[in-house]
């Protein structure tokens, strides 16, 4: 029998496939990833607005989070340990959890649309979707999660046309000049003091 390294090759010698590199680094694909990011952000903004100012407002921000408590108490959780968590923690704390969910949905949406803190927003999106799926909601959560994973995986290109991309570009163009100027001004300050 051959050595596994001879058979499969050394993992450190492998290179990323060109198709994957194209998907992760192409400016053309950046437009597609940006469209996905903005679309998911708009979906989160709509959900957050409905809870903060719309029809779902009484169930989340008022009545001690009755919507959250009702969903947690009567939903069909995926696992018994999750059901225990819902009944013992979420139901008694539904008031502030309802506010947290409404604000989180809205802020995640705004961050994704702007391309600001994109990785954090994509992780927050996945965390909310995880709790919804674990609590028994199937609806569009799986599709939203897939989009959030793509955004998280392609964050460098999906934020090229966003605030994160503008900040990164600025830092690349002016980062060395800025740090050199800081060092020079620091050295001049020491020279004057001596």
N, C-alpha and C. Protein backbone atom coordinates (compact mmCIF):
# COMPACT_ATOMS: atom_id res chain seq x y z
N UNK A 1 0.85 -1.18 0.00
CA UNK A 1 0.00 0.00 0.00
C UNK A 1 0.89 1.23 0.00
N UNK A 2 0.49 2.21 -0.77
CA UNK A 2 1.28 3.43 -0.88
C UNK A 2 1.05 4.35 0.30
N UNK A 3 1.99 5.20 0.49
CA UNK A 3 1.92 6.23 1.51
C UNK A 3 0.75 7.17 1.14
N UNK A 4 -0.09 7.59 2.11
CA UNK A 4 -1.22 8.48 1.79
C UNK A 4 -0.78 9.77 1.12
N UNK A 5 0.39 10.28 1.50
CA UNK A 5 0.86 11.53 0.88
C UNK A 5 1.20 11.30 -0.59
N UNK A 6 1.77 10.15 -0.89
CA UNK A 6 2.05 9.84 -2.29
C UNK A 6 0.75 9.67 -3.07
N UNK A 7 -0.23 9.05 -2.46
CA UNK A 7 -1.50 8.78 -3.12
C UNK A 7 -2.34 10.05 -3.31
N UNK A 8 -2.47 10.86 -2.25
CA UNK A 8 -3.33 12.04 -2.29
C UNK A 8 -2.59 13.34 -2.55
N UNK A 9 -1.30 13.35 -2.30
CA UNK A 9 -0.52 14.58 -2.42
C UNK A 9 -0.47 15.31 -1.09
N UNK A 10 0.47 16.19 -0.98
CA UNK A 10 0.64 16.96 0.24
C UNK A 10 -0.38 18.12 0.25
N UNK A 11 -1.20 18.23 1.29
CA UNK A 11 -2.23 19.28 1.31
C UNK A 11 -1.64 20.69 1.18
N UNK A 12 -0.44 20.91 1.70
CA UNK A 12 0.13 22.26 1.62
C UNK A 12 0.60 22.61 0.21
N UNK A 13 0.74 21.61 -0.66
CA UNK A 13 1.15 21.86 -2.04
C UNK A 13 -0.04 22.14 -2.96
N UNK A 14 -1.24 21.91 -2.47
CA UNK A 14 -2.42 22.11 -3.32
C UNK A 14 -2.69 23.59 -3.51
N UNK A 15 -3.21 23.89 -4.67
CA UNK A 15 -3.57 25.27 -4.98
C UNK A 15 -5.08 25.36 -5.13
N UNK A 16 -5.58 26.55 -4.90
CA UNK A 16 -7.01 26.77 -5.05
C UNK A 16 -7.37 26.69 -6.53
N UNK A 17 -8.48 26.05 -6.81
CA UNK A 17 -8.93 25.94 -8.20
C UNK A 17 -9.19 27.32 -8.79
N UNK A 18 -8.93 27.47 -10.08
CA UNK A 18 -9.10 28.77 -10.73
C UNK A 18 -10.55 29.25 -10.66
N UNK A 19 -11.48 28.33 -10.77
CA UNK A 19 -12.89 28.72 -10.70
C UNK A 19 -13.21 29.32 -9.34
N UNK A 20 -12.68 28.73 -8.27
CA UNK A 20 -12.92 29.25 -6.92
C UNK A 20 -12.24 30.61 -6.76
N UNK A 21 -11.03 30.74 -7.28
CA UNK A 21 -10.35 32.04 -7.22
C UNK A 21 -11.14 33.11 -7.96
N UNK A 22 -11.69 32.75 -9.12
CA UNK A 22 -12.50 33.70 -9.87
C UNK A 22 -13.71 34.13 -9.07
N UNK A 23 -14.39 33.16 -8.45
CA UNK A 23 -15.59 33.48 -7.67
C UNK A 23 -15.27 34.35 -6.46
N UNK A 24 -14.09 34.14 -5.88
CA UNK A 24 -13.75 34.86 -4.65
C UNK A 24 -13.09 36.22 -4.91
N UNK A 25 -12.49 36.42 -6.11
CA UNK A 25 -11.70 37.63 -6.31
C UNK A 25 -12.13 38.48 -7.49
N UNK A 26 -13.01 38.01 -8.31
CA UNK A 26 -13.37 38.72 -9.53
C UNK A 26 -14.24 39.95 -9.24
N UNK A 27 -13.92 41.04 -9.92
CA UNK A 27 -14.73 42.25 -9.81
C UNK A 27 -16.10 42.03 -10.45
N UNK A 28 -16.15 41.18 -11.47
CA UNK A 28 -17.43 40.85 -12.11
C UNK A 28 -18.33 40.14 -11.10
N UNK A 29 -17.78 39.16 -10.39
CA UNK A 29 -18.57 38.44 -9.39
C UNK A 29 -18.91 39.33 -8.19
N UNK A 30 -18.09 40.35 -7.96
CA UNK A 30 -18.37 41.27 -6.85
C UNK A 30 -19.73 41.91 -7.01
N UNK A 31 -20.13 42.16 -8.24
CA UNK A 31 -21.45 42.76 -8.49
C UNK A 31 -22.55 41.77 -8.07
N UNK A 32 -22.38 40.50 -8.40
CA UNK A 32 -23.35 39.48 -7.99
C UNK A 32 -23.40 39.31 -6.49
N UNK A 33 -22.23 39.24 -5.85
CA UNK A 33 -22.20 39.08 -4.38
C UNK A 33 -22.79 40.31 -3.71
N UNK A 34 -22.51 41.50 -4.27
CA UNK A 34 -23.07 42.72 -3.71
C UNK A 34 -24.59 42.72 -3.81
N UNK A 35 -25.10 42.27 -4.96
CA UNK A 35 -26.56 42.20 -5.12
C UNK A 35 -27.17 41.25 -4.10
N UNK A 36 -26.51 40.10 -3.87
CA UNK A 36 -27.00 39.15 -2.85
C UNK A 36 -26.98 39.79 -1.47
N UNK A 37 -25.89 40.49 -1.15
CA UNK A 37 -25.75 41.14 0.16
C UNK A 37 -26.84 42.18 0.36
N UNK A 38 -27.07 43.01 -0.64
CA UNK A 38 -28.08 44.06 -0.52
C UNK A 38 -29.48 43.45 -0.43
N UNK A 39 -29.73 42.42 -1.22
CA UNK A 39 -31.05 41.76 -1.17
C UNK A 39 -31.31 41.20 0.23
N UNK A 40 -30.34 40.47 0.78
CA UNK A 40 -30.53 39.91 2.12
C UNK A 40 -30.71 41.02 3.15
N UNK A 41 -29.95 42.10 3.01
CA UNK A 41 -30.10 43.24 3.91
C UNK A 41 -31.49 43.83 3.85
N UNK A 42 -32.05 43.96 2.65
CA UNK A 42 -33.40 44.50 2.50
C UNK A 42 -34.42 43.57 3.16
N UNK A 43 -34.22 42.27 3.04
CA UNK A 43 -35.13 41.32 3.68
C UNK A 43 -35.10 41.50 5.21
N UNK A 44 -33.89 41.67 5.77
CA UNK A 44 -33.78 41.88 7.22
C UNK A 44 -34.36 43.22 7.63
N UNK A 45 -34.15 44.25 6.83
CA UNK A 45 -34.73 45.57 7.15
C UNK A 45 -36.26 45.47 7.17
N UNK A 46 -36.84 44.80 6.18
CA UNK A 46 -38.30 44.66 6.16
C UNK A 46 -38.80 43.93 7.41
N UNK A 47 -38.10 42.86 7.79
CA UNK A 47 -38.52 42.12 8.99
C UNK A 47 -38.38 42.99 10.24
N UNK A 48 -37.28 43.74 10.34
CA UNK A 48 -37.07 44.61 11.49
C UNK A 48 -38.05 45.76 11.56
N UNK A 49 -38.35 46.38 10.41
CA UNK A 49 -39.31 47.49 10.38
C UNK A 49 -40.70 47.00 10.79
N UNK A 50 -41.09 45.81 10.36
CA UNK A 50 -42.39 45.27 10.75
C UNK A 50 -42.48 45.09 12.26
N UNK A 51 -41.36 44.74 12.88
CA UNK A 51 -41.36 44.54 14.33
C UNK A 51 -41.20 45.85 15.10
N UNK A 52 -40.44 46.78 14.56
CA UNK A 52 -40.20 48.04 15.26
C UNK A 52 -41.34 49.04 15.09
N UNK A 53 -41.87 49.16 13.85
CA UNK A 53 -42.86 50.20 13.59
C UNK A 53 -44.11 49.68 12.89
N UNK A 54 -44.14 48.42 12.51
CA UNK A 54 -45.23 47.91 11.70
C UNK A 54 -46.23 47.05 12.47
N UNK A 55 -46.82 46.14 11.73
CA UNK A 55 -47.90 45.30 12.26
C UNK A 55 -47.46 44.39 13.39
N UNK A 56 -46.20 43.99 13.40
CA UNK A 56 -45.72 43.07 14.44
C UNK A 56 -45.24 43.79 15.70
N UNK A 57 -45.30 45.12 15.71
CA UNK A 57 -44.83 45.91 16.84
C UNK A 57 -45.44 45.50 18.18
N UNK A 58 -46.76 45.34 18.29
CA UNK A 58 -47.32 44.96 19.60
C UNK A 58 -46.81 43.61 20.11
N UNK A 59 -46.50 42.69 19.22
CA UNK A 59 -46.05 41.36 19.64
C UNK A 59 -44.59 41.34 20.06
N UNK A 60 -43.81 42.35 19.66
CA UNK A 60 -42.38 42.33 19.98
C UNK A 60 -41.97 43.41 20.96
N UNK A 61 -42.44 44.63 20.77
CA UNK A 61 -42.00 45.72 21.64
C UNK A 61 -42.95 46.00 22.79
N UNK A 62 -44.15 45.48 22.73
CA UNK A 62 -45.14 45.73 23.78
C UNK A 62 -45.68 44.39 24.27
N UNK A 63 -46.54 44.44 25.23
CA UNK A 63 -47.18 43.23 25.76
C UNK A 63 -46.17 42.19 26.22
N UNK A 64 -45.07 42.67 26.76
CA UNK A 64 -44.01 41.81 27.31
C UNK A 64 -43.53 40.77 26.29
N UNK A 65 -43.40 41.18 25.05
CA UNK A 65 -42.90 40.28 24.01
C UNK A 65 -43.80 39.08 23.77
N UNK A 66 -45.09 39.32 23.70
CA UNK A 66 -46.06 38.22 23.58
C UNK A 66 -45.81 37.35 22.35
N UNK A 67 -45.36 37.95 21.26
CA UNK A 67 -45.08 37.17 20.05
C UNK A 67 -43.94 36.20 20.25
N UNK A 68 -42.90 36.66 20.93
CA UNK A 68 -41.75 35.79 21.22
C UNK A 68 -42.16 34.70 22.20
N UNK A 69 -42.88 35.08 23.24
CA UNK A 69 -43.30 34.10 24.25
C UNK A 69 -44.22 33.05 23.64
N UNK A 70 -45.16 33.48 22.81
CA UNK A 70 -46.07 32.54 22.17
C UNK A 70 -45.35 31.59 21.24
N UNK A 71 -44.43 32.13 20.45
CA UNK A 71 -43.67 31.29 19.54
C UNK A 71 -42.80 30.29 20.30
N UNK A 72 -42.13 30.77 21.35
CA UNK A 72 -41.25 29.89 22.13
C UNK A 72 -42.03 28.83 22.89
N UNK A 73 -43.22 29.18 23.37
CA UNK A 73 -44.00 28.24 24.17
C UNK A 73 -44.74 27.22 23.30
N UNK A 74 -45.13 27.61 22.09
CA UNK A 74 -45.97 26.73 21.28
C UNK A 74 -45.33 26.28 19.97
N UNK A 75 -44.08 26.68 19.74
CA UNK A 75 -43.39 26.25 18.53
C UNK A 75 -43.05 24.76 18.59
N UNK A 76 -42.49 24.27 17.52
CA UNK A 76 -42.08 22.86 17.45
C UNK A 76 -40.56 22.84 17.34
N UNK A 77 -39.85 22.87 18.50
CA UNK A 77 -38.39 22.91 18.46
C UNK A 77 -37.79 21.63 17.89
N UNK A 78 -36.59 21.78 17.32
CA UNK A 78 -35.92 20.67 16.67
C UNK A 78 -35.41 19.63 17.67
N UNK A 79 -35.02 20.05 18.86
CA UNK A 79 -34.46 19.15 19.86
C UNK A 79 -35.08 19.43 21.22
N UNK A 80 -35.08 18.42 22.07
CA UNK A 80 -35.66 18.60 23.40
C UNK A 80 -34.86 19.58 24.25
N UNK A 81 -33.52 19.59 24.11
CA UNK A 81 -32.73 20.53 24.88
C UNK A 81 -33.02 21.97 24.45
N UNK A 82 -33.33 22.16 23.17
CA UNK A 82 -33.68 23.50 22.70
C UNK A 82 -35.06 23.90 23.23
N UNK A 83 -35.97 22.93 23.30
CA UNK A 83 -37.29 23.20 23.88
C UNK A 83 -37.16 23.61 25.34
N UNK A 84 -36.27 22.95 26.08
CA UNK A 84 -36.03 23.32 27.48
C UNK A 84 -35.50 24.74 27.58
N UNK A 85 -34.57 25.10 26.68
CA UNK A 85 -34.03 26.46 26.65
C UNK A 85 -35.13 27.47 26.36
N UNK A 86 -35.97 27.17 25.39
CA UNK A 86 -37.06 28.09 25.04
C UNK A 86 -38.01 28.30 26.21
N UNK A 87 -38.39 27.20 26.87
CA UNK A 87 -39.37 27.29 27.96
C UNK A 87 -38.77 27.89 29.24
N UNK A 88 -37.51 27.57 29.52
CA UNK A 88 -36.94 28.03 30.79
C UNK A 88 -36.26 29.40 30.69
N UNK A 89 -35.80 29.80 29.50
CA UNK A 89 -35.11 31.09 29.38
C UNK A 89 -35.85 32.10 28.52
N UNK A 90 -36.26 31.69 27.33
CA UNK A 90 -36.85 32.64 26.39
C UNK A 90 -38.23 33.11 26.86
N UNK A 91 -39.10 32.21 27.27
CA UNK A 91 -40.45 32.60 27.67
C UNK A 91 -40.42 33.58 28.84
N UNK A 92 -39.66 33.33 29.92
CA UNK A 92 -39.65 34.30 31.02
C UNK A 92 -39.00 35.64 30.65
N UNK A 93 -38.12 35.65 29.67
CA UNK A 93 -37.41 36.86 29.28
C UNK A 93 -37.87 37.41 27.93
N UNK A 94 -39.07 37.08 27.52
CA UNK A 94 -39.54 37.41 26.18
C UNK A 94 -39.64 38.91 25.93
N UNK A 95 -39.81 39.72 26.95
CA UNK A 95 -39.93 41.17 26.77
C UNK A 95 -38.67 41.76 26.15
N UNK A 96 -37.53 41.56 26.79
CA UNK A 96 -36.30 42.14 26.25
C UNK A 96 -35.79 41.36 25.05
N UNK A 97 -36.10 40.08 24.95
CA UNK A 97 -35.67 39.30 23.78
C UNK A 97 -36.43 39.78 22.54
N UNK A 98 -37.70 40.14 22.68
CA UNK A 98 -38.46 40.69 21.56
C UNK A 98 -37.85 41.98 21.03
N UNK A 99 -37.44 42.86 21.94
CA UNK A 99 -36.78 44.11 21.55
C UNK A 99 -35.45 43.80 20.87
N UNK A 100 -34.69 42.87 21.45
CA UNK A 100 -33.39 42.49 20.88
C UNK A 100 -33.55 41.94 19.46
N UNK A 101 -34.51 41.08 19.25
CA UNK A 101 -34.74 40.49 17.92
C UNK A 101 -35.11 41.57 16.91
N UNK A 102 -36.03 42.45 17.28
CA UNK A 102 -36.47 43.51 16.36
C UNK A 102 -35.32 44.43 15.98
N UNK A 103 -34.56 44.88 16.97
CA UNK A 103 -33.44 45.78 16.71
C UNK A 103 -32.34 45.06 15.93
N UNK A 104 -32.05 43.81 16.29
CA UNK A 104 -31.01 43.04 15.61
C UNK A 104 -31.35 42.84 14.14
N UNK A 105 -32.59 42.48 13.84
CA UNK A 105 -32.98 42.29 12.45
C UNK A 105 -32.79 43.58 11.65
N UNK A 106 -33.21 44.68 12.22
CA UNK A 106 -33.09 45.96 11.52
C UNK A 106 -31.62 46.34 11.31
N UNK A 107 -30.81 46.25 12.36
CA UNK A 107 -29.40 46.65 12.26
C UNK A 107 -28.59 45.72 11.35
N UNK A 108 -28.88 44.43 11.39
CA UNK A 108 -28.21 43.50 10.48
C UNK A 108 -28.54 43.88 9.04
N UNK A 109 -29.79 44.21 8.79
CA UNK A 109 -30.20 44.62 7.44
C UNK A 109 -29.49 45.88 6.98
N UNK A 110 -29.43 46.88 7.84
CA UNK A 110 -28.76 48.13 7.49
C UNK A 110 -27.28 47.89 7.21
N UNK A 111 -26.63 47.10 8.07
CA UNK A 111 -25.21 46.81 7.88
C UNK A 111 -24.96 46.07 6.57
N UNK A 112 -25.82 45.11 6.24
CA UNK A 112 -25.64 44.38 4.99
C UNK A 112 -25.88 45.27 3.77
N UNK A 113 -26.89 46.10 3.81
CA UNK A 113 -27.15 46.99 2.67
C UNK A 113 -25.98 47.95 2.46
N UNK A 114 -25.45 48.50 3.55
CA UNK A 114 -24.34 49.44 3.44
C UNK A 114 -23.00 48.75 3.18
N UNK A 115 -22.93 47.46 3.47
CA UNK A 115 -21.64 46.78 3.37
C UNK A 115 -20.72 47.19 4.50
N UNK A 116 -21.29 47.42 5.66
CA UNK A 116 -20.56 47.87 6.85
C UNK A 116 -20.53 46.74 7.87
N UNK A 117 -19.34 46.40 8.36
CA UNK A 117 -19.17 45.27 9.28
C UNK A 117 -19.83 44.02 8.69
N UNK A 118 -19.56 43.76 7.44
CA UNK A 118 -20.27 42.73 6.68
C UNK A 118 -20.11 41.35 7.29
N UNK A 119 -18.92 40.98 7.69
CA UNK A 119 -18.73 39.64 8.28
C UNK A 119 -19.52 39.49 9.56
N UNK A 120 -19.52 40.51 10.40
CA UNK A 120 -20.27 40.47 11.65
C UNK A 120 -21.77 40.39 11.37
N UNK A 121 -22.22 41.17 10.39
CA UNK A 121 -23.64 41.16 10.03
C UNK A 121 -24.05 39.80 9.47
N UNK A 122 -23.20 39.19 8.64
CA UNK A 122 -23.51 37.87 8.10
C UNK A 122 -23.55 36.83 9.21
N UNK A 123 -22.64 36.91 10.17
CA UNK A 123 -22.67 35.98 11.32
C UNK A 123 -23.91 36.22 12.18
N UNK A 124 -24.27 37.48 12.40
CA UNK A 124 -25.49 37.79 13.15
C UNK A 124 -26.71 37.25 12.44
N UNK A 125 -26.73 37.37 11.13
CA UNK A 125 -27.82 36.82 10.33
C UNK A 125 -27.91 35.32 10.51
N UNK A 126 -26.77 34.65 10.44
CA UNK A 126 -26.76 33.19 10.63
C UNK A 126 -27.21 32.80 12.04
N UNK A 127 -26.80 33.58 13.04
CA UNK A 127 -27.20 33.27 14.42
C UNK A 127 -28.72 33.39 14.58
N UNK A 128 -29.31 34.46 14.05
CA UNK A 128 -30.77 34.60 14.13
C UNK A 128 -31.47 33.48 13.37
N UNK A 129 -30.99 33.19 12.18
CA UNK A 129 -31.61 32.12 11.39
C UNK A 129 -31.48 30.77 12.08
N UNK A 130 -30.35 30.54 12.74
CA UNK A 130 -30.17 29.30 13.50
C UNK A 130 -31.23 29.18 14.59
N UNK A 131 -31.45 30.28 15.33
CA UNK A 131 -32.45 30.21 16.40
C UNK A 131 -33.85 30.00 15.84
N UNK A 132 -34.16 30.61 14.70
CA UNK A 132 -35.48 30.44 14.10
C UNK A 132 -35.69 29.00 13.64
N UNK A 133 -34.69 28.44 12.97
CA UNK A 133 -34.81 27.06 12.48
C UNK A 133 -34.88 26.08 13.65
N UNK A 134 -34.05 26.30 14.65
CA UNK A 134 -34.07 25.41 15.81
C UNK A 134 -35.39 25.50 16.57
N UNK A 135 -36.07 26.62 16.43
CA UNK A 135 -37.35 26.82 17.13
C UNK A 135 -38.55 26.33 16.34
N UNK A 136 -38.32 25.85 15.14
CA UNK A 136 -39.40 25.24 14.38
C UNK A 136 -39.89 26.01 13.16
N UNK A 137 -39.19 27.07 12.78
CA UNK A 137 -39.58 27.83 11.59
C UNK A 137 -38.79 27.32 10.40
N UNK A 138 -39.48 26.91 9.38
CA UNK A 138 -38.79 26.43 8.18
C UNK A 138 -38.78 27.49 7.11
N UNK A 139 -39.84 28.16 6.89
CA UNK A 139 -40.09 29.18 5.85
C UNK A 139 -38.90 29.44 4.93
N UNK A 140 -38.37 30.65 4.94
CA UNK A 140 -37.28 31.02 4.04
C UNK A 140 -35.92 31.00 4.73
N UNK A 141 -35.88 30.53 5.94
CA UNK A 141 -34.65 30.59 6.73
C UNK A 141 -33.48 29.86 6.08
N UNK A 142 -33.72 28.70 5.51
CA UNK A 142 -32.62 27.95 4.90
C UNK A 142 -32.04 28.70 3.71
N UNK A 143 -32.89 29.32 2.89
CA UNK A 143 -32.39 30.08 1.75
C UNK A 143 -31.63 31.31 2.22
N UNK A 144 -32.15 32.03 3.22
CA UNK A 144 -31.45 33.18 3.76
C UNK A 144 -30.10 32.75 4.34
N UNK A 145 -30.07 31.61 5.00
CA UNK A 145 -28.81 31.12 5.58
C UNK A 145 -27.79 30.82 4.48
N UNK A 146 -28.24 30.24 3.39
CA UNK A 146 -27.34 29.96 2.27
C UNK A 146 -26.75 31.26 1.73
N UNK A 147 -27.58 32.27 1.56
CA UNK A 147 -27.10 33.57 1.07
C UNK A 147 -26.13 34.18 2.07
N UNK A 148 -26.43 34.09 3.36
CA UNK A 148 -25.55 34.64 4.39
C UNK A 148 -24.20 33.93 4.41
N UNK A 149 -24.19 32.63 4.18
CA UNK A 149 -22.93 31.88 4.13
C UNK A 149 -22.11 32.33 2.92
N UNK A 150 -22.75 32.51 1.79
CA UNK A 150 -22.04 32.99 0.59
C UNK A 150 -21.46 34.37 0.85
N UNK A 151 -22.23 35.24 1.47
CA UNK A 151 -21.74 36.59 1.77
C UNK A 151 -20.56 36.52 2.73
N UNK A 152 -20.65 35.67 3.73
CA UNK A 152 -19.56 35.53 4.69
C UNK A 152 -18.31 34.99 4.00
N UNK A 153 -18.48 34.00 3.12
CA UNK A 153 -17.34 33.39 2.44
C UNK A 153 -16.70 34.33 1.42
N UNK A 154 -17.49 35.21 0.83
CA UNK A 154 -16.98 36.10 -0.21
C UNK A 154 -16.91 37.54 0.27
N UNK A 155 -16.70 37.74 1.55
CA UNK A 155 -16.80 39.08 2.12
C UNK A 155 -15.85 40.08 1.46
N UNK A 156 -14.70 39.63 1.01
CA UNK A 156 -13.77 40.58 0.37
C UNK A 156 -14.35 41.15 -0.92
N UNK A 157 -14.98 40.30 -1.71
CA UNK A 157 -15.56 40.79 -2.96
C UNK A 157 -16.97 41.32 -2.76
N UNK A 158 -17.73 40.76 -1.83
CA UNK A 158 -19.10 41.25 -1.65
C UNK A 158 -19.13 42.62 -0.99
N UNK A 159 -18.01 43.06 -0.42
CA UNK A 159 -17.97 44.40 0.19
C UNK A 159 -17.15 45.38 -0.64
N UNK A 160 -16.69 44.95 -1.81
CA UNK A 160 -15.93 45.85 -2.67
C UNK A 160 -16.75 47.10 -2.96
N UNK A 161 -18.05 46.92 -3.20
CA UNK A 161 -18.96 48.04 -3.41
C UNK A 161 -19.77 48.26 -2.14
N UNK A 162 -19.10 48.73 -1.10
CA UNK A 162 -19.74 48.98 0.18
C UNK A 162 -18.79 49.77 1.07
N UNK A 163 -19.26 50.10 2.25
CA UNK A 163 -18.45 50.90 3.18
C UNK A 163 -17.16 50.17 3.55
N UNK A 164 -17.24 48.87 3.82
CA UNK A 164 -16.03 48.11 4.14
C UNK A 164 -15.02 48.18 3.00
N UNK A 165 -15.49 48.10 1.76
CA UNK A 165 -14.60 48.17 0.60
C UNK A 165 -13.97 49.54 0.46
N UNK A 166 -14.74 50.60 0.70
CA UNK A 166 -14.18 51.95 0.61
C UNK A 166 -13.13 52.18 1.70
N UNK A 167 -13.41 51.70 2.90
CA UNK A 167 -12.44 51.84 3.99
C UNK A 167 -11.17 51.05 3.68
N UNK A 168 -11.33 49.84 3.21
CA UNK A 168 -10.18 49.00 2.86
C UNK A 168 -9.35 49.65 1.75
N UNK A 169 -10.02 50.15 0.72
CA UNK A 169 -9.31 50.83 -0.37
C UNK A 169 -8.58 52.06 0.11
N UNK A 170 -9.20 52.83 0.98
CA UNK A 170 -8.56 54.01 1.53
C UNK A 170 -7.32 53.63 2.33
N UNK A 171 -7.46 52.60 3.15
CA UNK A 171 -6.32 52.16 3.96
C UNK A 171 -5.19 51.64 3.09
N UNK A 172 -5.52 50.96 1.99
CA UNK A 172 -4.47 50.47 1.09
C UNK A 172 -3.76 51.63 0.40
N UNK A 173 -4.52 52.65 -0.01
CA UNK A 173 -3.91 53.78 -0.71
C UNK A 173 -3.15 54.71 0.23
N UNK A 174 -3.65 54.91 1.44
CA UNK A 174 -3.06 55.91 2.33
C UNK A 174 -2.46 55.32 3.59
N UNK A 175 -2.53 54.02 3.77
CA UNK A 175 -2.05 53.40 5.01
C UNK A 175 -0.58 53.62 5.26
N UNK A 176 0.28 53.41 4.25
CA UNK A 176 1.71 53.56 4.47
C UNK A 176 2.07 55.03 4.65
N UNK A 177 1.43 55.92 3.88
CA UNK A 177 1.70 57.34 4.03
C UNK A 177 1.31 57.83 5.40
N UNK A 178 0.15 57.38 5.87
CA UNK A 178 -0.33 57.79 7.18
C UNK A 178 0.58 57.30 8.28
N UNK A 179 0.97 56.03 8.23
CA UNK A 179 1.84 55.49 9.28
C UNK A 179 3.22 56.13 9.22
N UNK A 180 3.75 56.40 7.99
CA UNK A 180 5.04 57.07 7.88
C UNK A 180 4.97 58.48 8.47
N UNK A 181 3.88 59.19 8.20
CA UNK A 181 3.72 60.54 8.75
C UNK A 181 3.64 60.51 10.27
N UNK A 182 2.96 59.52 10.82
CA UNK A 182 2.87 59.41 12.28
C UNK A 182 4.24 59.14 12.89
N UNK A 183 5.02 58.27 12.27
CA UNK A 183 6.36 57.96 12.78
C UNK A 183 7.25 59.20 12.70
N UNK A 184 7.21 59.90 11.56
CA UNK A 184 8.03 61.10 11.41
C UNK A 184 7.65 62.17 12.42
N UNK A 185 6.34 62.41 12.62
CA UNK A 185 5.94 63.42 13.59
C UNK A 185 6.31 63.00 15.01
N UNK A 186 6.27 61.71 15.29
CA UNK A 186 6.68 61.23 16.62
C UNK A 186 8.18 61.45 16.81
N UNK A 187 8.98 61.15 15.77
CA UNK A 187 10.43 61.36 15.87
C UNK A 187 10.78 62.83 15.99
N UNK A 188 10.06 63.70 15.26
CA UNK A 188 10.31 65.13 15.36
C UNK A 188 9.99 65.65 16.75
N UNK A 189 8.92 65.10 17.34
CA UNK A 189 8.57 65.50 18.70
C UNK A 189 9.65 65.14 19.70
N UNK A 190 10.27 63.97 19.54
CA UNK A 190 11.38 63.56 20.42
C UNK A 190 12.61 64.41 20.17
N UNK A 191 12.86 64.77 18.91
CA UNK A 191 14.04 65.58 18.58
C UNK A 191 13.92 66.97 19.20
N UNK A 192 12.71 67.56 19.17
CA UNK A 192 12.50 68.87 19.77
C UNK A 192 12.62 68.82 21.28
N UNK A 193 12.18 67.72 21.88
CA UNK A 193 12.24 67.59 23.34
C UNK A 193 13.66 67.45 23.84
N UNK A 194 14.54 66.91 23.01
CA UNK A 194 15.93 66.67 23.43
C UNK A 194 16.75 67.90 23.29
